[in-house]
Amino acid sequence: MKDDLMKTLKDAGFDTEGTLERFGGSEEMYEEFLGTFLKDKTFETIKPAFDKNDKEEALNTTHTLKGVSGNLGMTRLYKACCNTVELIRADEFEKARDSYGELESAYEETCNLIK
C-alpha cells in the first residue's frame, strides 16, 4: 500500500494498525479489500429499505456494512452503522431512519479517502 494512503487513512481515524494485524501485516491485502469495498453495493440497499419501511432489510444491510467497516478499520463509518443498528433493534425505526444522514456522510467520506 502506498505510504501516503496509509497515512491519510490513519490521520482520518481509521484503525490501520488493527486492520493490518487482522490481515497478517499485509498492506497489499488491505489495499485489495479497500478496493473491493468501493465496488460493494451493500450501502446502496440501505436507503431503499428505509424508504419501504422494511425494518428487517434495513437491519440486515446496515449490520452487514457495520461488520465490513469494522473489519476494515473504518472507525467513523463503523460507529455510524452501530448507532443505526442499535436504533433499529431498539424498535426506534424513525430515529434510525433519521440517522441515515450521518451514515451516508460517513460512507461518502470513507469512499473519498480510499479513492
N, C-alpha and C. Protein backbone atom coordinates (compact mmCIF):
# COMPACT_ATOMS: atom_id res chain seq x y z
N MET A 1 0.86 -1.18 0.00
CA MET A 1 0.00 0.00 0.00
C MET A 1 0.89 1.23 0.00
N LYS A 2 0.48 2.20 -0.70
CA LYS A 2 1.24 3.44 -0.73
C LYS A 2 1.26 4.06 0.67
N ASP A 3 2.44 4.51 1.07
CA ASP A 3 2.58 5.10 2.40
C ASP A 3 1.66 6.29 2.60
N ASP A 4 1.44 7.08 1.53
CA ASP A 4 0.58 8.26 1.67
C ASP A 4 -0.87 7.87 1.93
N LEU A 5 -1.34 6.77 1.32
CA LEU A 5 -2.70 6.31 1.58
C LEU A 5 -2.83 5.84 3.03
N MET A 6 -1.86 5.07 3.48
CA MET A 6 -1.89 4.57 4.85
C MET A 6 -1.90 5.73 5.84
N LYS A 7 -1.09 6.75 5.58
CA LYS A 7 -1.05 7.92 6.46
C LYS A 7 -2.38 8.67 6.41
N THR A 8 -2.95 8.84 5.21
CA THR A 8 -4.24 9.52 5.06
C THR A 8 -5.31 8.80 5.85
N LEU A 9 -5.36 7.48 5.72
CA LEU A 9 -6.37 6.70 6.44
C LEU A 9 -6.17 6.81 7.95
N LYS A 10 -4.94 6.68 8.38
CA LYS A 10 -4.66 6.76 9.83
C LYS A 10 -5.01 8.14 10.36
N ASP A 11 -4.63 9.19 9.63
CA ASP A 11 -4.93 10.56 10.06
C ASP A 11 -6.43 10.81 10.12
N ALA A 12 -7.20 10.09 9.29
CA ALA A 12 -8.65 10.25 9.27
C ALA A 12 -9.35 9.41 10.34
N GLY A 13 -8.57 8.68 11.12
CA GLY A 13 -9.16 7.92 12.22
C GLY A 13 -9.39 6.45 11.93
N PHE A 14 -8.92 5.97 10.79
CA PHE A 14 -9.03 4.53 10.51
C PHE A 14 -8.14 3.77 11.48
N ASP A 15 -8.57 2.60 11.87
CA ASP A 15 -7.75 1.74 12.72
C ASP A 15 -6.86 0.90 11.80
N THR A 16 -5.85 1.55 11.24
CA THR A 16 -4.98 0.87 10.28
C THR A 16 -4.14 -0.20 10.95
N GLU A 17 -3.70 0.04 12.17
CA GLU A 17 -2.86 -0.94 12.87
C GLU A 17 -3.65 -2.22 13.17
N GLY A 18 -4.85 -2.07 13.69
CA GLY A 18 -5.68 -3.22 13.99
C GLY A 18 -6.06 -4.00 12.74
N THR A 19 -6.34 -3.26 11.67
CA THR A 19 -6.70 -3.90 10.42
C THR A 19 -5.52 -4.66 9.84
N LEU A 20 -4.36 -4.04 9.85
CA LEU A 20 -3.17 -4.74 9.35
C LEU A 20 -2.89 -6.00 10.17
N GLU A 21 -3.15 -5.92 11.45
CA GLU A 21 -2.95 -7.11 12.30
C GLU A 21 -3.89 -8.23 11.85
N ARG A 22 -5.16 -7.88 11.55
CA ARG A 22 -6.12 -8.88 11.08
C ARG A 22 -5.71 -9.48 9.74
N PHE A 23 -5.00 -8.68 8.94
CA PHE A 23 -4.54 -9.14 7.63
C PHE A 23 -3.11 -9.68 7.67
N GLY A 24 -2.65 -10.04 8.83
CA GLY A 24 -1.32 -10.63 8.96
C GLY A 24 -0.21 -9.69 8.52
N GLY A 25 -0.45 -8.38 8.63
CA GLY A 25 0.56 -7.39 8.27
C GLY A 25 0.63 -7.08 6.79
N SER A 26 -0.25 -7.66 6.00
CA SER A 26 -0.20 -7.48 4.55
C SER A 26 -0.92 -6.21 4.10
N GLU A 27 -0.13 -5.20 3.77
CA GLU A 27 -0.71 -3.96 3.25
C GLU A 27 -1.35 -4.20 1.89
N GLU A 28 -0.78 -5.11 1.12
CA GLU A 28 -1.33 -5.45 -0.19
C GLU A 28 -2.75 -6.01 -0.06
N MET A 29 -2.94 -6.90 0.90
CA MET A 29 -4.27 -7.47 1.12
C MET A 29 -5.25 -6.40 1.59
N TYR A 30 -4.78 -5.53 2.48
CA TYR A 30 -5.61 -4.44 2.99
C TYR A 30 -6.07 -3.56 1.82
N GLU A 31 -5.14 -3.20 0.96
CA GLU A 31 -5.47 -2.37 -0.19
C GLU A 31 -6.46 -3.08 -1.11
N GLU A 32 -6.28 -4.37 -1.29
CA GLU A 32 -7.20 -5.14 -2.13
C GLU A 32 -8.62 -5.11 -1.55
N PHE A 33 -8.74 -5.29 -0.26
CA PHE A 33 -10.06 -5.27 0.38
C PHE A 33 -10.69 -3.88 0.34
N LEU A 34 -9.86 -2.84 0.44
CA LEU A 34 -10.40 -1.48 0.31
C LEU A 34 -10.97 -1.27 -1.09
N GLY A 35 -10.28 -1.78 -2.10
CA GLY A 35 -10.79 -1.70 -3.47
C GLY A 35 -12.08 -2.46 -3.64
N THR A 36 -12.17 -3.62 -3.03
CA THR A 36 -13.40 -4.41 -3.07
C THR A 36 -14.54 -3.68 -2.38
N PHE A 37 -14.23 -3.00 -1.28
CA PHE A 37 -15.24 -2.23 -0.55
C PHE A 37 -15.87 -1.19 -1.46
N LEU A 38 -15.05 -0.50 -2.25
CA LEU A 38 -15.57 0.55 -3.13
C LEU A 38 -16.54 0.00 -4.18
N LYS A 39 -16.41 -1.27 -4.52
CA LYS A 39 -17.28 -1.90 -5.52
C LYS A 39 -18.53 -2.53 -4.91
N ASP A 40 -18.52 -2.71 -3.61
CA ASP A 40 -19.63 -3.38 -2.92
C ASP A 40 -20.89 -2.53 -2.98
N LYS A 41 -22.04 -3.17 -3.14
CA LYS A 41 -23.32 -2.47 -3.30
C LYS A 41 -24.18 -2.47 -2.03
N THR A 42 -23.65 -2.96 -0.93
CA THR A 42 -24.45 -3.05 0.31
C THR A 42 -25.01 -1.69 0.71
N PHE A 43 -24.18 -0.66 0.70
CA PHE A 43 -24.65 0.66 1.13
C PHE A 43 -25.86 1.11 0.31
N GLU A 44 -25.84 0.82 -0.97
CA GLU A 44 -26.92 1.27 -1.87
C GLU A 44 -28.27 0.64 -1.55
N THR A 45 -28.29 -0.40 -0.74
CA THR A 45 -29.55 -1.06 -0.40
C THR A 45 -30.16 -0.56 0.90
N ILE A 46 -29.43 0.25 1.63
CA ILE A 46 -29.91 0.70 2.94
C ILE A 46 -31.05 1.71 2.81
N LYS A 47 -30.84 2.76 2.04
CA LYS A 47 -31.87 3.80 1.92
C LYS A 47 -33.18 3.24 1.36
N PRO A 48 -33.14 2.42 0.29
CA PRO A 48 -34.40 1.85 -0.20
C PRO A 48 -35.13 1.03 0.87
N ALA A 49 -34.38 0.36 1.73
CA ALA A 49 -35.02 -0.40 2.82
C ALA A 49 -35.74 0.55 3.78
N PHE A 50 -35.10 1.66 4.11
CA PHE A 50 -35.77 2.66 4.96
C PHE A 50 -36.98 3.25 4.25
N ASP A 51 -36.83 3.56 2.97
CA ASP A 51 -37.95 4.14 2.20
C ASP A 51 -39.16 3.23 2.16
N LYS A 52 -38.92 1.91 2.16
CA LYS A 52 -40.02 0.93 2.12
C LYS A 52 -40.49 0.53 3.51
N ASN A 53 -39.91 1.14 4.54
CA ASN A 53 -40.21 0.77 5.93
C ASN A 53 -39.93 -0.71 6.20
N ASP A 54 -38.92 -1.23 5.54
CA ASP A 54 -38.55 -2.64 5.69
C ASP A 54 -37.48 -2.74 6.78
N LYS A 55 -37.96 -2.92 8.00
CA LYS A 55 -37.05 -2.94 9.15
C LYS A 55 -36.03 -4.06 9.07
N GLU A 56 -36.48 -5.23 8.64
CA GLU A 56 -35.58 -6.38 8.57
C GLU A 56 -34.46 -6.13 7.56
N GLU A 57 -34.80 -5.63 6.38
CA GLU A 57 -33.79 -5.35 5.36
C GLU A 57 -32.87 -4.21 5.81
N ALA A 58 -33.43 -3.19 6.41
CA ALA A 58 -32.60 -2.08 6.91
C ALA A 58 -31.61 -2.60 7.95
N LEU A 59 -32.08 -3.46 8.83
CA LEU A 59 -31.20 -4.02 9.86
C LEU A 59 -30.12 -4.90 9.22
N ASN A 60 -30.53 -5.79 8.33
CA ASN A 60 -29.57 -6.72 7.73
C ASN A 60 -28.49 -6.00 6.93
N THR A 61 -28.89 -5.04 6.12
CA THR A 61 -27.91 -4.36 5.29
C THR A 61 -27.00 -3.45 6.11
N THR A 62 -27.57 -2.76 7.08
CA THR A 62 -26.74 -1.89 7.93
C THR A 62 -25.80 -2.73 8.79
N HIS A 63 -26.28 -3.86 9.26
CA HIS A 63 -25.45 -4.75 10.07
C HIS A 63 -24.30 -5.32 9.23
N THR A 64 -24.58 -5.65 7.98
CA THR A 64 -23.52 -6.13 7.09
C THR A 64 -22.45 -5.06 6.89
N LEU A 65 -22.89 -3.83 6.63
CA LEU A 65 -21.95 -2.73 6.44
C LEU A 65 -21.17 -2.47 7.73
N LYS A 66 -21.81 -2.65 8.85
CA LYS A 66 -21.15 -2.49 10.15
C LYS A 66 -19.99 -3.48 10.27
N GLY A 67 -20.24 -4.72 9.93
CA GLY A 67 -19.20 -5.75 10.02
C GLY A 67 -18.03 -5.48 9.09
N VAL A 68 -18.34 -5.13 7.86
CA VAL A 68 -17.29 -4.85 6.88
C VAL A 68 -16.47 -3.64 7.30
N SER A 69 -17.16 -2.57 7.68
CA SER A 69 -16.44 -1.34 8.05
C SER A 69 -15.61 -1.56 9.32
N GLY A 70 -16.11 -2.36 10.23
CA GLY A 70 -15.35 -2.66 11.44
C GLY A 70 -14.09 -3.46 11.13
N ASN A 71 -14.22 -4.46 10.27
CA ASN A 71 -13.08 -5.28 9.90
C ASN A 71 -12.03 -4.51 9.12
N LEU A 72 -12.45 -3.49 8.40
CA LEU A 72 -11.52 -2.69 7.60
C LEU A 72 -11.03 -1.43 8.33
N GLY A 73 -11.39 -1.31 9.60
CA GLY A 73 -10.88 -0.21 10.42
C GLY A 73 -11.47 1.15 10.11
N MET A 74 -12.65 1.16 9.50
CA MET A 74 -13.31 2.41 9.11
C MET A 74 -14.10 2.93 10.30
N THR A 75 -13.43 3.53 11.23
CA THR A 75 -13.97 3.86 12.54
C THR A 75 -15.24 4.71 12.48
N ARG A 76 -15.23 5.79 11.74
CA ARG A 76 -16.41 6.69 11.70
C ARG A 76 -17.61 5.96 11.10
N LEU A 77 -17.40 5.26 10.00
CA LEU A 77 -18.49 4.53 9.36
C LEU A 77 -18.99 3.42 10.27
N TYR A 78 -18.09 2.72 10.91
CA TYR A 78 -18.47 1.66 11.83
C TYR A 78 -19.36 2.20 12.96
N LYS A 79 -18.96 3.32 13.54
CA LYS A 79 -19.75 3.90 14.64
C LYS A 79 -21.13 4.35 14.15
N ALA A 80 -21.19 4.91 12.95
CA ALA A 80 -22.49 5.33 12.40
C ALA A 80 -23.38 4.11 12.19
N CYS A 81 -22.81 3.03 11.69
CA CYS A 81 -23.57 1.79 11.50
C CYS A 81 -24.05 1.24 12.84
N CYS A 82 -23.17 1.25 13.82
CA CYS A 82 -23.53 0.76 15.16
C CYS A 82 -24.73 1.52 15.70
N ASN A 83 -24.71 2.83 15.57
CA ASN A 83 -25.80 3.66 16.05
C ASN A 83 -27.11 3.28 15.36
N THR A 84 -27.07 3.16 14.05
CA THR A 84 -28.29 2.84 13.30
C THR A 84 -28.80 1.45 13.65
N VAL A 85 -27.91 0.48 13.74
CA VAL A 85 -28.30 -0.88 14.10
C VAL A 85 -28.94 -0.90 15.49
N GLU A 86 -28.34 -0.20 16.43
CA GLU A 86 -28.88 -0.16 17.79
C GLU A 86 -30.28 0.45 17.81
N LEU A 87 -30.49 1.49 17.04
CA LEU A 87 -31.82 2.13 16.98
C LEU A 87 -32.86 1.19 16.37
N ILE A 88 -32.49 0.49 15.33
CA ILE A 88 -33.45 -0.45 14.72
C ILE A 88 -33.79 -1.56 15.71
N ARG A 89 -32.78 -2.08 16.37
CA ARG A 89 -33.01 -3.17 17.34
C ARG A 89 -33.82 -2.70 18.54
N ALA A 90 -33.73 -1.41 18.86
CA ALA A 90 -34.49 -0.85 19.98
C ALA A 90 -35.90 -0.46 19.55
N ASP A 91 -36.26 -0.84 18.33
CA ASP A 91 -37.58 -0.54 17.75
C ASP A 91 -37.82 0.97 17.67
N GLU A 92 -36.75 1.69 17.33
CA GLU A 92 -36.84 3.14 17.13
C GLU A 92 -36.52 3.41 15.66
N PHE A 93 -37.38 2.88 14.79
CA PHE A 93 -37.12 2.90 13.36
C PHE A 93 -37.06 4.33 12.80
N GLU A 94 -37.90 5.22 13.29
CA GLU A 94 -37.87 6.60 12.78
C GLU A 94 -36.55 7.29 13.14
N LYS A 95 -36.06 7.04 14.34
CA LYS A 95 -34.76 7.60 14.73
C LYS A 95 -33.64 6.97 13.89
N ALA A 96 -33.79 5.69 13.61
CA ALA A 96 -32.80 5.01 12.76
C ALA A 96 -32.81 5.62 11.37
N ARG A 97 -34.01 5.86 10.85
CA ARG A 97 -34.13 6.48 9.53
C ARG A 97 -33.48 7.88 9.55
N ASP A 98 -33.70 8.61 10.63
CA ASP A 98 -33.11 9.95 10.77
C ASP A 98 -31.58 9.88 10.85
N SER A 99 -31.05 8.77 11.32
CA SER A 99 -29.60 8.63 11.45
C SER A 99 -28.93 8.32 10.11
N TYR A 100 -29.74 8.10 9.08
CA TYR A 100 -29.19 7.74 7.77
C TYR A 100 -28.27 8.84 7.24
N GLY A 101 -28.57 10.10 7.51
CA GLY A 101 -27.74 11.20 7.02
C GLY A 101 -26.30 11.08 7.51
N GLU A 102 -26.12 10.75 8.77
CA GLU A 102 -24.77 10.57 9.32
C GLU A 102 -24.11 9.34 8.69
N LEU A 103 -24.88 8.29 8.51
CA LEU A 103 -24.36 7.08 7.87
C LEU A 103 -23.88 7.38 6.45
N GLU A 104 -24.69 8.10 5.71
CA GLU A 104 -24.35 8.46 4.34
C GLU A 104 -23.09 9.35 4.31
N SER A 105 -23.02 10.31 5.20
CA SER A 105 -21.86 11.20 5.27
C SER A 105 -20.59 10.42 5.57
N ALA A 106 -20.68 9.51 6.53
CA ALA A 106 -19.52 8.70 6.90
C ALA A 106 -19.10 7.79 5.75
N TYR A 107 -20.08 7.24 5.05
CA TYR A 107 -19.79 6.37 3.92
C TYR A 107 -19.09 7.15 2.80
N GLU A 108 -19.62 8.31 2.47
CA GLU A 108 -19.03 9.11 1.40
C GLU A 108 -17.62 9.56 1.76
N GLU A 109 -17.42 9.98 3.00
CA GLU A 109 -16.09 10.38 3.44
C GLU A 109 -15.12 9.20 3.34
N THR A 110 -15.57 8.05 3.76
CA THR A 110 -14.73 6.84 3.71
C THR A 110 -14.33 6.53 2.28
N CYS A 111 -15.29 6.53 1.38
CA CYS A 111 -15.01 6.23 -0.02
C CYS A 111 -14.05 7.26 -0.63
N ASN A 112 -14.26 8.51 -0.31
CA ASN A 112 -13.38 9.56 -0.84
C ASN A 112 -11.94 9.41 -0.33
N LEU A 113 -11.79 9.01 0.90
CA LEU A 113 -10.45 8.81 1.46
C LEU A 113 -9.75 7.66 0.76
N ILE A 114 -10.47 6.61 0.47
CA ILE A 114 -9.87 5.43 -0.17
C ILE A 114 -9.48 5.74 -1.62
N LYS A 115 -10.33 6.49 -2.29
CA LYS A 115 -10.07 6.82 -3.69
C LYS A 115 -8.83 7.69 -3.81
